[in-house]
Every structure is written in structure tokens, then in C-alpha cells.
């Protein structure tokens, strides 16, 4: 596989990474969540983006790791806010230990992310820090919007897309931009990398929403229909509410959303999505984002254009994933 050398470099680097030792109770949760795996898409994008400009893309390993540590820090705190029992099929940190431990260990992860980012070449440090800080704030803004949407009766599809842009896409965009920064790319090129990643992130999250409803449970690795059970205002649900207005489906959808039988609820809402062709529309929306990312990458002028193959392969894997 084209991306194996980047994956191998990341695995070896994380195996060697020490976050701290004493007290062990503080650092055990960090090693635990970082050992749960995951796709590591963001640091891969950083390394591959650096490889577009420099042969020694390994110099971008510490900042790439910073992105992944920060991402997992947000997951640890998100799990607390969502009261989620599982992460990647394993007990969440606050479930395995307790909430206070998860909060404090998460705080240390944020510090570790800054420490890793600080290993970037000194001439690029200020730019990297400023962009990281802005991105981190935007991720928090997106999480706040997500929580606000849970309380609101009416949410516009456009607002949902802005929420996932902030909560998910900006970090994917920054991951690619950071690879350019670490490799000395000019500001215009770095902004172009960010745009590619932002579109990729939007497609990724929309695909995630579709898989949550339609994935094969044996492949997906987590409960299918979780968003429906939680009445999460995804683009699919918002479009279904919009499209069913004034039809018989409006009353039926409302009934299913308040149903007590969760298995029947998932089946019922999915049936309405099918009847209204929501999946097709959502897939087209995701595909448009992936298409923009691929077109922007193809148009990007870089010193090592042959290295685009790795990014193209990763985008294809993200685009066609089943879990």
C-alpha cells in the first residue's frame, strides 16, 4: 500500500513517545487512549503534505503527532460531555477510570500537543502556533454549537454544515496546512492545502453520518443508528424533516423520533430516509466535497508532484470507507 511507510513511521514514533511517568495515575489514561488505534488520518495528511515539498518528510513527525494527540484530547473530553461509554469499541477513559482523571489527563494531552508542535523548525514555530491556536479554538466552537443544536428545536442544514466544518474539518485542514508549514511551503500554497483538507474533512464527516445509519454492523465496529437513537440533528435528519413537511411522512417521522423502542425507531427513521431518497442526496453532498478536494490537489503546484499519489490514495480510502 502506498501509505504504509507513513503509517509505519507514525507507529514507531508513537511507540517511543513518553508523555510522563509520575504519578502513573495521570499518564495511564493517555497511553490507554493513544493505544486504541484509530485511522490516524490527520497526522498522515501532515506527513504526506510535507512530502510534497521535501524528501525528508520525517522532519514533520513531531508536529504531525501533535495533531493526533490534540485530536485524541478532544475525543477524551467529548466523551465526558456526551457521557459515551465506548470509544473505538473499548471503554472510554472516564468510564474505565473516572471523570476527574479523564479531565486532568486530557489537560496534560493538550500540553503534550504543544510540546510536540514546539519541535518544528524554529523558523516555522510562530506560524504553526498561531494557526494551531486558531484551529483549536474553532474546534471548541464547533463542539459548543453541537451541544446547542441538541437543545434547539429548529436547526438549518447550513448551520449543521458550519458546525461540522468547525468541529471536524478545520483540524483536517490544519493537518495538511501544517505539513506545508513544516516543509517551508509559501503561505498561498499552505492556504491551498488547508482548503483541500477542509473539503476532505467535510466529506469525511458527512460519510460518517451516512455510515451511522447504513453501515454493516459487522464492519462498522460500533452501534449502527446511534445518531437516530439520540435524535442527533445530522444533515440527513434535517433534510428529512424539510422534505417531509406537509406530507404523511411528517407525522410518521415525528412519531418515530419520540418512539421508546430503539430498534424499531432506527428501522422506522431509516425507512423514511429511504422513501425520501435522503441517502442519495447526502452521498452526493459528500461526494461533491471529495471531488473538490481531489480537484484542488490536482491543481496544486508543488516541487514533488509525484508525491501526490500518496494523498490521492488516502483520499480514495477515506471516500470509499465502510467504517
Protein backbone atom coordinates (compact mmCIF):
# COMPACT_ATOMS: atom_id res chain seq x y z
CA UNK A 1 0.00 0.00 0.00
CA UNK A 2 1.19 3.45 -0.90
CA UNK A 3 0.66 4.89 2.58
CA UNK A 4 2.41 2.15 4.56
CA UNK A 5 5.72 3.97 5.00
CA UNK A 6 3.94 6.93 6.60
CA UNK A 7 1.83 4.68 8.83
CA UNK A 8 4.91 2.75 9.91
CA UNK A 9 6.80 5.93 10.76
CA UNK A 10 3.89 7.16 12.89
CA UNK A 11 3.50 3.84 14.69
CA UNK A 12 7.18 3.73 15.59
CA UNK A 13 7.17 7.34 16.74
CA UNK A 14 4.13 6.89 18.97
CA UNK A 15 5.56 3.69 20.46
CA UNK A 16 8.59 5.68 21.57
CA UNK A 17 6.63 8.70 22.79
CA UNK A 18 6.70 9.25 26.57
CA UNK A 19 4.06 11.61 27.96
CA UNK A 20 5.26 11.40 31.57
CA UNK A 21 5.74 8.84 34.31
CA UNK A 22 4.80 10.08 37.77
CA UNK A 23 2.16 9.93 39.08
CA UNK A 24 1.30 6.92 36.93
CA UNK A 25 -2.42 7.54 37.52
CA UNK A 26 -2.15 10.75 35.48
CA UNK A 27 -0.40 9.21 32.48
CA UNK A 28 -2.04 5.77 32.26
CA UNK A 29 -5.21 7.18 30.62
CA UNK A 30 -3.11 8.97 27.98
CA UNK A 31 -1.26 5.82 26.98
CA UNK A 32 -4.59 3.99 27.02
CA UNK A 33 -6.47 6.28 24.62
CA UNK A 34 -3.45 6.66 22.34
CA UNK A 35 -3.17 2.85 22.16
CA UNK A 36 -6.75 2.42 20.93
CA UNK A 37 -5.58 2.98 17.38
CA UNK A 38 -7.91 4.79 15.06
CA UNK A 39 -7.26 5.78 11.47
CA UNK A 40 -4.63 8.46 12.24
CA UNK A 41 -5.78 10.28 9.14
CA UNK A 42 -4.73 13.72 10.37
CA UNK A 43 -1.04 13.01 11.07
CA UNK A 44 -0.84 11.00 7.84
CA UNK A 45 -2.07 14.06 5.97
CA UNK A 46 0.58 16.20 7.67
CA UNK A 47 3.39 13.84 6.67
CA UNK A 48 2.14 13.39 3.11
CA UNK A 49 1.70 17.14 2.68
CA UNK A 50 5.26 17.73 3.88
CA UNK A 51 6.40 15.11 1.39
CA UNK A 52 5.10 17.26 -1.46
CA UNK A 53 7.89 19.73 -0.75
CA UNK A 54 10.72 17.86 0.96
CA UNK A 55 12.26 14.44 0.63
CA UNK A 56 12.93 14.32 4.37
CA UNK A 57 9.25 14.39 5.36
CA UNK A 58 10.24 12.63 8.60
CA UNK A 59 11.11 16.08 10.00
CA UNK A 60 7.35 16.68 10.16
CA UNK A 61 6.77 13.73 12.51
CA UNK A 62 6.64 15.70 15.80
CA UNK A 63 4.11 18.31 14.55
CA UNK A 64 2.11 15.51 12.88
CA UNK A 65 1.99 13.71 16.23
CA UNK A 66 0.88 16.95 17.88
CA UNK A 67 -2.22 16.99 15.68
CA UNK A 68 -3.10 13.41 16.65
CA UNK A 69 -2.52 13.99 20.37
CA UNK A 70 -4.72 17.10 20.23
CA UNK A 71 -7.40 15.17 18.34
CA UNK A 72 -7.45 12.44 20.99
CA UNK A 73 -7.54 15.07 23.74
CA UNK A 74 -10.74 16.45 22.20
CA UNK A 75 -12.18 12.93 21.98
CA UNK A 76 -11.44 12.29 25.65
CA UNK A 77 -13.27 15.45 26.71
CA UNK A 78 -16.07 14.97 24.16
CA UNK A 79 -16.73 11.52 25.62
CA UNK A 80 -17.21 13.09 29.03
CA UNK A 81 -19.65 15.67 27.67
CA UNK A 82 -21.53 13.02 25.68
CA UNK A 83 -21.39 10.51 28.55
CA UNK A 84 -20.21 7.99 25.97
CA UNK A 85 -19.40 4.51 27.32
CA UNK A 86 -17.29 3.34 24.37
CA UNK A 87 -14.55 4.71 22.15
CA UNK A 88 -13.31 2.53 19.28
CA UNK A 89 -15.04 -0.44 20.85
CA UNK A 90 -13.31 -0.02 24.23
CA UNK A 91 -14.34 1.67 27.47
CA UNK A 92 -13.91 5.44 27.40
CA UNK A 93 -11.37 6.94 29.80
CA UNK A 94 -13.93 8.44 32.18
CA UNK A 95 -15.74 5.08 32.28
CA UNK A 96 -12.63 2.99 32.88
CA UNK A 97 -11.31 5.41 35.50
CA UNK A 98 -13.40 8.44 36.46
CA UNK A 99 -14.37 11.87 35.13
CA UNK A 100 -11.83 13.84 37.15
CA UNK A 101 -9.00 11.64 35.92
CA UNK A 102 -10.17 11.99 32.33
CA UNK A 103 -10.32 15.78 32.57
CA UNK A 104 -6.86 16.08 34.10
CA UNK A 105 -5.22 13.57 31.77
CA UNK A 106 -6.85 15.35 28.85
CA UNK A 107 -5.33 18.62 30.04
CA UNK A 108 -1.89 17.01 30.03
CA UNK A 109 -2.52 15.77 26.48
CA UNK A 110 -3.08 19.36 25.36
CA UNK A 111 0.25 20.29 26.95
CA UNK A 112 1.88 17.33 25.18
CA UNK A 113 0.45 18.50 21.86
CA UNK A 114 2.10 21.90 22.33
CA UNK A 115 5.37 20.25 23.30
CA UNK A 116 5.36 18.14 20.14
CA UNK A 117 4.38 21.11 17.98
CA UNK A 118 7.28 23.03 19.52
CA UNK A 119 9.71 20.61 17.89
CA UNK A 120 9.00 22.08 14.46
CA UNK A 121 11.89 24.04 12.96
CA UNK A 122 12.21 27.28 14.90
CA UNK A 123 11.70 29.50 11.85
CA UNK A 124 8.23 27.99 11.35
CA UNK A 125 7.21 27.84 15.01
CA UNK A 126 5.35 31.15 15.31
CA UNK A 127 3.23 30.48 12.23
CA UNK A 128 2.47 26.93 13.37
CA UNK A 129 1.47 28.07 16.87
CA UNK A 130 -0.78 30.86 15.63
CA UNK A 131 -2.57 28.55 13.21
CA UNK A 132 -2.84 25.77 15.79
CA UNK A 133 -4.34 28.13 18.38
CA UNK A 134 -6.95 29.41 15.93
CA UNK A 135 -7.82 25.88 14.88
CA UNK A 136 -8.10 24.65 18.46
CA UNK A 137 -10.49 27.49 19.29
CA UNK A 138 -12.60 26.68 16.22
CA UNK A 139 -12.85 23.02 17.24
CA UNK A 140 -14.21 24.17 20.61
CA UNK A 141 -16.65 26.49 18.84
CA UNK A 142 -17.89 23.56 16.80
CA UNK A 143 -18.37 21.40 19.89
CA UNK A 144 -20.35 24.19 21.56
CA UNK A 145 -22.57 24.51 18.50
CA UNK A 146 -23.11 20.75 18.52
CA UNK A 147 -24.29 20.91 22.12
CA UNK A 148 -26.52 23.90 21.39
CA UNK A 149 -28.13 22.08 18.47
CA UNK A 150 -29.17 19.27 20.83
CA UNK A 151 -31.29 21.81 22.73
CA UNK A 152 -32.77 23.62 19.73
CA UNK A 153 -35.96 22.54 18.03
CA UNK A 154 -35.03 24.01 14.65
CA UNK A 155 -31.59 23.80 13.07
CA UNK A 156 -30.84 24.78 9.46
CA UNK A 157 -28.86 22.42 7.25
CA UNK A 158 -26.43 25.28 6.59
CA UNK A 159 -25.83 25.67 10.33
CA UNK A 160 -25.16 21.96 10.66
CA UNK A 161 -22.58 22.09 7.87
CA UNK A 162 -20.87 25.03 9.57
CA UNK A 163 -20.83 23.10 12.83
CA UNK A 164 -19.11 20.07 11.31
CA UNK A 165 -16.72 22.37 9.46
CA UNK A 166 -15.61 23.76 12.79
CA UNK A 167 -15.76 20.59 14.85
CA UNK A 168 -14.15 18.27 12.28
CA UNK A 169 -12.97 19.87 9.06
CA UNK A 170 -10.77 22.69 10.33
CA UNK A 171 -8.45 20.23 12.07
CA UNK A 172 -8.16 18.15 8.91
CA UNK A 173 -7.42 21.34 7.00
CA UNK A 174 -4.83 22.40 9.56
CA UNK A 175 -3.19 18.96 9.43
CA UNK A 176 -2.46 19.44 5.73
CA UNK A 177 -1.51 23.09 6.16
CA UNK A 178 0.89 22.12 8.94
CA UNK A 179 2.68 19.73 6.62
CA UNK A 180 3.24 22.62 4.24
CA UNK A 181 4.38 24.93 7.05
CA UNK A 182 6.84 22.30 8.36
CA UNK A 183 8.28 21.86 4.86
CA UNK A 184 8.67 25.58 4.19
CA UNK A 185 5.87 26.00 1.64
CA UNK A 186 4.77 29.55 0.87
CA UNK A 187 1.63 30.97 2.56
CA UNK A 188 -0.52 30.76 -0.58
CA UNK A 189 0.29 27.08 -1.01
CA UNK A 190 -0.36 26.42 2.68
CA UNK A 191 -3.80 28.01 2.35
CA UNK A 192 -4.49 25.78 -0.65
CA UNK A 193 -3.51 22.73 1.39
CA UNK A 194 -5.87 23.88 4.13
CA UNK A 195 -8.73 24.14 1.65
CA UNK A 196 -8.07 20.62 0.38
CA UNK A 197 -8.16 19.30 3.93
CA UNK A 198 -11.24 21.27 4.85
CA UNK A 199 -13.19 19.78 1.93
CA UNK A 200 -11.85 16.35 2.76
CA UNK A 201 -12.99 16.79 6.37
CA UNK A 202 -16.48 17.81 5.30
CA UNK A 203 -16.76 14.74 3.08
CA UNK A 204 -15.39 12.57 5.88
CA UNK A 205 -17.94 13.72 8.45
CA UNK A 206 -20.87 13.50 6.05
CA UNK A 207 -19.80 9.97 5.13
CA UNK A 208 -19.60 9.19 8.85
CA UNK A 209 -23.20 10.36 9.27
CA UNK A 210 -24.32 8.14 6.39
CA UNK A 211 -22.43 5.12 7.74
CA UNK A 212 -24.01 5.64 11.15
CA UNK A 213 -27.37 4.86 9.51
CA UNK A 214 -26.46 2.42 6.75
CA UNK A 215 -23.18 0.65 7.63
CA UNK A 216 -22.84 -3.10 8.04
CA UNK A 217 -22.77 -3.60 11.85
CA UNK A 218 -20.16 -6.35 11.48
CA UNK A 219 -17.82 -3.95 9.69
CA UNK A 220 -18.71 -0.62 11.30
CA UNK A 221 -17.33 -1.54 14.72
CA UNK A 222 -19.92 0.40 16.69
CA UNK A 223 -23.66 0.67 17.05
CA UNK A 224 -25.42 1.48 13.79
CA UNK A 225 -28.23 4.01 14.20
CA UNK A 226 -26.71 5.79 17.18
CA UNK A 227 -27.47 9.21 15.71
CA UNK A 228 -31.10 8.25 15.18
CA UNK A 229 -31.41 6.93 18.73
CA UNK A 230 -30.06 10.22 20.08
CA UNK A 231 -32.21 12.34 17.70
CA UNK A 232 -28.93 13.90 16.59
CA UNK A 233 -29.59 16.67 14.10
CA UNK A 234 -27.45 15.39 11.26
CA UNK A 235 -27.84 16.65 7.70
CA UNK A 236 -29.84 13.50 6.91
CA UNK A 237 -32.41 14.17 9.63
CA UNK A 238 -32.64 17.88 8.88
CA UNK A 239 -33.19 17.17 5.19
CA UNK A 240 -35.81 14.52 6.02
CA UNK A 241 -37.69 16.97 8.26
CA UNK A 242 -37.54 19.58 5.50
CA UNK A 243 -38.57 17.20 2.74
CA UNK A 244 -41.41 15.55 4.71
CA UNK A 245 -43.10 18.82 5.67
CA UNK A 246 -46.74 18.82 4.64
CA UNK A 247 -46.74 15.13 3.73
CA UNK A 248 -47.78 11.95 5.53
CA UNK A 249 -44.12 11.35 6.33
CA UNK A 250 -44.07 14.43 8.60
CA UNK A 251 -46.35 12.84 11.21
CA UNK A 252 -44.69 9.45 10.82
CA UNK A 253 -41.20 10.88 11.30
CA UNK A 254 -42.28 12.81 14.37
CA UNK A 255 -43.72 9.62 15.81
CA UNK A 256 -40.57 7.63 15.26
CA UNK A 257 -38.39 10.32 16.80
CA UNK A 258 -40.32 10.00 20.06
CA UNK A 259 -40.55 6.19 19.97
CA UNK A 260 -39.40 4.21 23.01
CA UNK A 261 -38.42 1.05 21.11
CA UNK A 262 -34.93 1.96 19.86
CA UNK A 263 -34.61 -0.89 17.37
CA UNK A 264 -37.96 -0.04 15.80
CA UNK A 265 -37.06 3.65 15.86
CA UNK A 266 -33.86 3.14 13.86
CA UNK A 267 -35.67 0.95 11.35
CA UNK A 268 -38.57 3.40 11.06
CA UNK A 269 -36.45 6.52 10.54
CA UNK A 270 -34.20 4.69 8.10
CA UNK A 271 -37.31 3.66 6.17
CA UNK A 272 -38.37 7.30 5.86
CA UNK A 273 -34.89 8.25 4.70
CA UNK A 274 -35.19 5.58 2.02
CA UNK A 275 -38.65 6.71 0.94
CA UNK A 276 -37.48 10.32 0.65
CA UNK A 277 -34.18 9.38 -1.04
CA UNK A 278 -32.19 11.13 1.68
CA UNK A 279 -29.21 8.79 1.41
CA UNK A 280 -28.73 9.64 -2.26
CA UNK A 281 -28.75 13.38 -1.55
CA UNK A 282 -26.38 13.05 1.43
CA UNK A 283 -23.99 10.89 -0.59
CA UNK A 284 -24.00 13.43 -3.41
CA UNK A 285 -23.15 16.17 -0.93
CA UNK A 286 -20.22 14.18 0.48
CA UNK A 287 -19.02 13.25 -2.99
CA UNK A 288 -19.02 16.91 -4.04
CA UNK A 289 -16.68 17.69 -1.13
CA UNK A 290 -14.32 14.83 -2.03
CA UNK A 291 -14.39 15.92 -5.65
CA UNK A 292 -13.40 19.49 -4.71
CA UNK A 293 -10.54 18.15 -2.57
CA UNK A 294 -9.26 15.98 -5.43
CA UNK A 295 -9.52 18.79 -7.97
CA UNK A 296 -7.70 21.23 -5.69
CA UNK A 297 -4.96 18.67 -5.09
CA UNK A 298 -4.58 18.04 -8.82
CA UNK A 299 -4.24 21.78 -9.47
CA UNK A 300 -1.71 22.33 -6.66
CA UNK A 301 1.77 23.23 -7.94
CA UNK A 302 4.43 21.51 -5.79
CA UNK A 303 8.14 20.67 -6.18
CA UNK A 304 7.48 16.92 -5.90
CA UNK A 305 4.22 16.31 -7.82
CA UNK A 306 4.78 12.55 -7.93
CA UNK A 307 4.18 12.52 -4.16
CA UNK A 308 0.54 13.48 -4.74
CA UNK A 309 -0.12 9.78 -5.33
CA UNK A 310 0.02 9.10 -1.60
CA UNK A 311 -2.55 11.77 -0.84
CA UNK A 312 -4.75 10.59 -3.70
CA UNK A 313 -4.65 7.06 -2.31
CA UNK A 314 -5.58 8.23 1.18
CA UNK A 315 -8.44 10.38 -0.13
CA UNK A 316 -9.74 7.37 -2.05
CA UNK A 317 -9.58 5.24 1.10
CA UNK A 318 -11.49 7.86 3.06
CA UNK A 319 -14.01 8.29 0.26
CA UNK A 320 -14.76 4.55 -0.02
CA UNK A 321 -14.51 3.52 3.62
CA UNK A 322 -17.09 1.25 5.22
CA UNK A 323 -16.33 2.05 8.85
